[in-house]
Amino acid sequence: MPSQEIIRSDIVSLGSDVHVDTSTPDLFFFRGAERRMPFATIVTRDTEYDSFARLDGDGSFRLNIALDRETFGGLFPDHTSRSALEAANFDYTARDEILPHPVYGRMHWVCVVNPDSVYARCRVLFGKAYELARR
């Protein structure tokens, strides 16, 4: 399994305009100095708003990646609407599985807890997210 540091390095290597916000225990990756909206995040803990992955206690982390409608739809063709996402029964505690984000899936974000065998696929998605952030 790639470490958070390896993932951070892979995301930062996408371009010289990638900025990392490290002001919290989580990492937020932005394209450009204005830092409007991250294109990827690494979340290391549960919060009162998001404890779906049950990250506390075992050193797990969740990688989150922003995608466009088309890429998200290619990954989850049966879950492209808000109602389909809300009706779905995803196991957000699953490890090494790309899933719609439990809160931001409707905004075409995906997530994976402790990526390992899916990491090569995640790296492709980083590139898409980085390009999307340019728009």
Protein backbone atom coordinates (compact mmCIF):
# COMPACT_ATOMS: atom_id res chain seq x y z
CA MET A 1 0.00 0.00 0.00
CA PRO A 2 1.43 3.41 -0.90
CA SER A 3 1.98 5.67 2.08
CA GLN A 4 0.38 9.07 2.41
CA GLU A 5 3.79 10.56 1.62
CA ILE A 6 4.03 8.63 -1.66
CA ILE A 7 0.52 9.70 -2.62
CA ARG A 8 1.34 13.29 -1.73
CA SER A 9 4.48 13.15 -3.86
CA ASP A 10 2.58 11.64 -6.81
CA ILE A 11 -0.06 14.38 -6.66
CA VAL A 12 2.46 17.20 -6.26
CA SER A 13 4.42 15.86 -9.23
CA LEU A 14 1.45 16.59 -11.51
CA GLY A 15 2.62 20.16 -11.92
CA SER A 16 4.54 23.05 -10.44
CA ASP A 17 1.25 24.81 -9.70
CA VAL A 18 0.06 22.20 -7.17
CA HIS A 19 -0.19 23.62 -3.67
CA VAL A 20 -0.73 21.53 -0.54
CA ASP A 21 -2.59 22.91 2.46
CA THR A 22 -1.24 21.24 5.57
CA SER A 23 -2.93 23.48 8.16
CA THR A 24 -4.94 20.52 9.49
CA PRO A 25 -4.05 16.84 9.97
CA ASP A 26 -5.62 16.33 6.53
CA LEU A 27 -4.04 17.33 3.21
CA PHE A 28 -5.79 19.47 0.58
CA PHE A 29 -4.35 19.69 -2.94
CA PHE A 30 -5.07 22.80 -5.00
CA ARG A 31 -4.10 23.88 -8.47
CA GLY A 32 -3.03 27.49 -8.58
CA ALA A 33 -2.32 30.02 -5.88
CA GLU A 34 -5.95 31.09 -5.39
CA ARG A 35 -6.82 27.76 -3.70
CA ARG A 36 -10.54 27.95 -4.48
CA MET A 37 -11.42 24.28 -4.43
CA PRO A 38 -9.16 21.27 -3.87
CA PHE A 39 -8.96 18.66 -6.59
CA ALA A 40 -7.86 15.95 -4.18
CA THR A 41 -7.64 15.44 -0.44
CA ILE A 42 -6.24 12.93 2.00
CA VAL A 43 -8.41 12.67 5.10
CA THR A 44 -6.82 11.09 8.14
CA ARG A 45 -9.56 11.24 10.75
CA ASP A 46 -13.25 11.08 11.39
CA THR A 47 -15.13 14.31 12.10
CA GLU A 48 -18.59 15.06 13.38
CA TYR A 49 -19.64 15.61 9.74
CA ASP A 50 -17.96 12.60 8.18
CA SER A 51 -17.25 9.36 10.01
CA PHE A 52 -18.42 7.08 7.20
CA ALA A 53 -15.02 5.44 6.68
CA ARG A 54 -14.28 4.92 10.38
CA LEU A 55 -10.77 6.24 10.06
CA ASP A 56 -10.03 6.80 13.73
CA GLY A 57 -8.03 4.28 15.63
CA ASP A 58 -6.31 2.11 13.03
CA GLY A 59 -4.15 4.55 11.04
CA SER A 60 -6.37 4.41 7.97
CA PHE A 61 -6.80 7.33 5.60
CA ARG A 62 -9.16 8.15 2.74
CA LEU A 63 -8.05 9.55 -0.57
CA ASN A 64 -10.69 11.76 -2.22
CA ILE A 65 -10.56 12.84 -5.86
CA ALA A 66 -12.73 15.34 -7.77
CA LEU A 67 -13.88 14.18 -11.20
CA ASP A 68 -16.05 15.42 -14.02
CA ARG A 69 -19.52 14.07 -14.71
CA GLU A 70 -18.38 11.84 -17.57
CA THR A 71 -15.54 10.14 -15.68
CA PHE A 72 -17.68 9.67 -12.58
CA GLY A 73 -20.49 8.23 -14.71
CA GLY A 74 -18.07 5.81 -16.32
CA LEU A 75 -17.12 4.50 -12.90
CA PHE A 76 -20.65 4.46 -11.46
CA PRO A 77 -23.15 4.38 -14.34
CA ASP A 78 -26.01 3.37 -12.05
CA HIS A 79 -25.31 6.13 -9.54
CA THR A 80 -25.15 9.36 -11.49
CA SER A 81 -28.15 11.04 -9.88
CA ARG A 82 -28.42 12.33 -6.34
CA SER A 83 -31.36 10.01 -5.64
CA ALA A 84 -29.44 6.97 -6.90
CA LEU A 85 -26.48 7.86 -4.68
CA GLU A 86 -28.73 8.37 -1.66
CA ALA A 87 -30.49 5.04 -2.28
CA ALA A 88 -27.22 3.12 -2.75
CA ASN A 89 -25.86 0.97 0.01
CA PHE A 90 -22.10 1.43 -0.33
CA ASP A 91 -19.83 0.14 2.42
CA TYR A 92 -17.72 3.23 3.03
CA THR A 93 -15.58 1.31 5.52
CA ALA A 94 -14.32 -0.96 2.70
CA ARG A 95 -10.62 -0.67 2.06
CA ASP A 96 -8.93 -0.51 -1.36
CA GLU A 97 -12.15 0.09 -3.29
CA ILE A 98 -13.02 3.16 -5.35
CA LEU A 99 -16.45 4.44 -4.30
CA PRO A 100 -18.51 7.59 -4.71
CA HIS A 101 -17.64 9.96 -1.89
CA PRO A 102 -20.20 9.55 0.94
CA VAL A 103 -20.90 13.30 1.14
CA TYR A 104 -19.62 14.77 -2.15
CA GLY A 105 -20.47 11.97 -4.55
CA ARG A 106 -23.25 14.13 -5.99
CA MET A 107 -20.48 16.60 -6.92
CA HIS A 108 -18.64 13.75 -8.72
CA TRP A 109 -16.03 13.08 -6.04
CA VAL A 110 -14.75 9.56 -5.50
CA CYS A 111 -12.90 8.10 -2.55
CA VAL A 112 -10.85 5.11 -1.54
CA VAL A 113 -9.72 4.11 1.94
CA ASN A 114 -6.15 2.78 2.08
CA PRO A 115 -5.63 2.42 -1.69
CA ASP A 116 -3.44 -0.50 -2.66
CA SER A 117 -4.39 -2.64 -5.67
CA VAL A 118 -6.49 0.27 -7.05
CA TYR A 119 -3.69 2.80 -6.68
CA ALA A 120 -2.62 2.69 -10.33
CA ARG A 121 -6.18 3.58 -11.26
CA CYS A 122 -6.16 6.38 -8.67
CA ARG A 123 -3.07 7.86 -10.29
CA VAL A 124 -4.94 8.10 -13.59
CA LEU A 125 -7.80 9.82 -11.77
CA PHE A 126 -5.34 12.32 -10.18
CA GLY A 127 -4.38 13.40 -13.67
CA LYS A 128 -8.01 13.89 -14.66
CA ALA A 129 -8.70 15.84 -11.45
CA TYR A 130 -5.65 18.02 -11.99
CA GLU A 131 -6.74 18.85 -15.55
CA LEU A 132 -10.27 19.54 -14.37
CA ALA A 133 -8.94 21.97 -11.76
CA ARG A 134 -7.40 24.02 -14.57
CA ARG A 135 -10.84 24.99 -15.90
